């Protein structure tokens, strides 16, 4: 493909992306902004509190060892 055709294709793709507007789900947006969603992934913990404490303890032990090495 020549440079002219390649540039034209890139311009076409860029223009399609620029003016593409997907349908907005206003109900989902309202739930996310109001905090009514029970499936909010950002606020759900991956670990329970005992695992969090274990991780914190391991990190503090590592940080102390790293600090002593310097």
Protein backbone atom coordinates (compact mmCIF):
# COMPACT_ATOMS: atom_id res chain seq x y z
CA UNK A 1 0.00 0.00 0.00
CA UNK A 2 1.42 3.40 -0.96
CA UNK A 3 1.94 6.22 1.52
CA UNK A 4 -1.06 8.18 0.19
CA UNK A 5 -3.46 5.27 0.62
CA UNK A 6 -1.99 4.45 4.03
CA UNK A 7 -2.41 8.03 5.25
CA UNK A 8 -5.96 8.18 3.90
CA UNK A 9 -6.83 4.96 5.73
CA UNK A 10 -5.30 6.27 8.97
CA UNK A 11 -7.24 9.52 8.59
CA UNK A 12 -10.46 7.60 8.00
CA UNK A 13 -9.93 5.45 11.10
CA UNK A 14 -9.01 8.48 13.22
CA UNK A 15 -12.12 10.33 12.07
CA UNK A 16 -14.33 7.33 12.86
CA UNK A 17 -12.86 7.12 16.37
CA UNK A 18 -13.18 10.85 16.93
CA UNK A 19 -16.86 11.02 16.07
CA UNK A 20 -17.89 7.63 17.51
CA UNK A 21 -20.27 8.02 20.43
CA UNK A 22 -21.59 4.84 22.02
CA UNK A 23 -24.98 4.77 23.69
CA UNK A 24 -24.71 5.97 27.28
CA UNK A 25 -26.31 3.86 29.99
CA UNK A 26 -27.62 6.66 32.22
CA UNK A 27 -29.17 4.26 34.73
CA UNK A 28 -25.82 2.57 35.40
CA UNK A 29 -24.11 5.95 35.60
CA UNK A 30 -26.68 7.20 38.12
CA UNK A 31 -26.19 4.08 40.27
CA UNK A 32 -22.41 4.45 40.17
CA UNK A 33 -22.50 8.13 41.12
CA UNK A 34 -25.09 7.70 43.87
CA UNK A 35 -23.33 4.70 45.41
CA UNK A 36 -26.45 2.51 45.32
CA UNK A 37 -24.67 -0.28 43.48
CA UNK A 38 -24.03 -3.37 45.60
CA UNK A 39 -21.57 -4.72 43.05
CA UNK A 40 -19.13 -1.81 43.21
CA UNK A 41 -15.83 -3.48 42.41
CA UNK A 42 -13.72 -0.52 43.55
CA UNK A 43 -14.95 -0.74 47.15
CA UNK A 44 -14.98 -4.51 47.52
CA UNK A 45 -11.98 -5.95 49.32
CA UNK A 46 -10.05 -8.76 47.65
CA UNK A 47 -8.97 -10.14 51.02
CA UNK A 48 -10.60 -10.41 54.38
CA UNK A 49 -9.13 -8.39 57.27
CA UNK A 50 -6.92 -11.19 58.62
CA UNK A 51 -5.18 -11.48 55.26
CA UNK A 52 -4.76 -7.68 55.16
CA UNK A 53 -3.07 -7.74 58.56
CA UNK A 54 -0.80 -10.61 57.48
CA UNK A 55 0.20 -8.68 54.35
CA UNK A 56 0.86 -5.52 56.37
CA UNK A 57 3.04 -7.47 58.80
CA UNK A 58 5.05 -9.06 55.99
CA UNK A 59 5.51 -5.66 54.33
CA UNK A 60 6.64 -3.98 57.55
CA UNK A 61 9.12 -6.81 58.16
CA UNK A 62 10.49 -6.40 54.66
CA UNK A 63 10.66 -2.60 54.99
CA UNK A 64 12.61 -2.92 58.25
CA UNK A 65 15.07 -5.36 56.66
CA UNK A 66 15.48 -3.11 53.63
CA UNK A 67 16.03 -0.07 55.86
CA UNK A 68 18.72 -1.86 57.88
CA UNK A 69 20.60 -2.86 54.75
CA UNK A 70 21.22 0.74 53.72
